Amino acid sequence: MLFKFLFKKKKKKLQEQSEQKFDMNNWMNLTKEERLEIDFNEKNKIMRKKAALLKSIREEYIKIKKKNN
């Protein structure tokens, strides 16, 4: 069972590496404007996720603070 876990983990890692290599080749084939646009969109997506996470943390903190008072 332990061996199965280790082998599956290695298999996934190999698949991820090949996907990343393929993505890098595609990335280099894009024009500068296309790369900047994709990068800008990804950054915005990440920032929205971070903002949502911070908002939920603040809401939970307020709930905990009200319970304790």
Protein backbone atom coordinates (compact mmCIF):
# COMPACT_ATOMS: atom_id res chain seq x y z
CA MET A 1 0.00 0.00 0.00
CA LEU A 2 2.83 2.37 0.81
CA PHE A 3 4.53 1.53 -2.47
CA LYS A 4 1.35 2.26 -4.40
CA PHE A 5 1.15 5.66 -2.76
CA LEU A 6 4.76 6.47 -3.62
CA PHE A 7 4.45 5.34 -7.22
CA LYS A 8 1.23 7.25 -7.78
CA LYS A 9 2.85 10.38 -6.35
CA LYS A 10 5.83 10.05 -8.69
CA LYS A 11 3.53 9.44 -11.66
CA LYS A 12 1.57 12.62 -10.92
CA LYS A 13 4.78 14.58 -10.55
CA LEU A 14 5.99 13.39 -13.97
CA GLN A 15 2.68 14.39 -15.56
CA GLU A 16 2.87 17.85 -13.99
CA GLN A 17 6.40 18.36 -15.29
CA SER A 18 5.42 17.43 -18.84
CA GLU A 19 2.40 19.75 -18.70
CA GLN A 20 4.57 22.60 -17.42
CA LYS A 21 7.08 22.03 -20.20
CA PHE A 22 4.30 22.06 -22.78
CA ASP A 23 2.87 25.24 -21.28
CA MET A 24 6.30 26.90 -21.38
CA ASN A 25 6.62 26.12 -25.08
CA ASN A 26 3.19 27.59 -25.76
CA TRP A 27 4.03 30.61 -23.60
CA MET A 28 7.15 31.34 -25.63
CA ASN A 29 5.20 31.12 -28.88
CA LEU A 30 2.83 33.89 -27.78
CA THR A 31 3.45 37.52 -28.63
CA LYS A 32 4.54 39.92 -25.90
CA GLU A 33 1.09 41.53 -25.79
CA GLU A 34 -0.62 38.14 -25.41
CA ARG A 35 1.73 37.16 -22.59
CA LEU A 36 1.14 40.46 -20.79
CA GLU A 37 -2.63 40.07 -21.13
CA ILE A 38 -2.58 36.50 -19.78
CA ASP A 39 -0.30 37.52 -16.91
CA PHE A 40 -2.52 40.50 -16.08
CA ASN A 41 -5.64 38.29 -16.03
CA GLU A 42 -3.97 35.71 -13.80
CA LYS A 43 -2.81 38.37 -11.35
CA ASN A 44 -6.32 39.81 -11.17
CA LYS A 45 -7.77 36.36 -10.54
CA ILE A 46 -5.28 35.72 -7.74
CA MET A 47 -5.95 39.12 -6.17
CA ARG A 48 -9.72 38.50 -6.22
CA LYS A 49 -9.18 35.17 -4.44
CA LYS A 50 -6.95 36.82 -1.84
CA ALA A 51 -9.46 39.59 -1.27
CA ALA A 52 -12.26 37.06 -0.81
CA LEU A 53 -10.12 35.09 1.63
CA LEU A 54 -9.28 38.21 3.65
CA LYS A 55 -12.94 39.19 3.72
CA SER A 56 -13.97 35.79 5.06
CA ILE A 57 -11.19 35.88 7.67
CA ARG A 58 -12.32 39.31 8.83
CA GLU A 59 -15.94 38.15 9.06
CA GLU A 60 -14.94 35.10 11.11
CA TYR A 61 -12.80 37.26 13.38
CA ILE A 62 -15.73 39.61 13.98
CA LYS A 63 -17.97 36.65 14.81
CA ILE A 64 -15.43 35.27 17.27
CA LYS A 65 -14.92 38.68 18.83
CA LYS A 66 -18.69 39.14 19.33
CA LYS A 67 -18.99 35.67 20.91
CA ASN A 68 -16.28 36.43 23.44
CA ASN A 69 -17.81 39.75 24.51
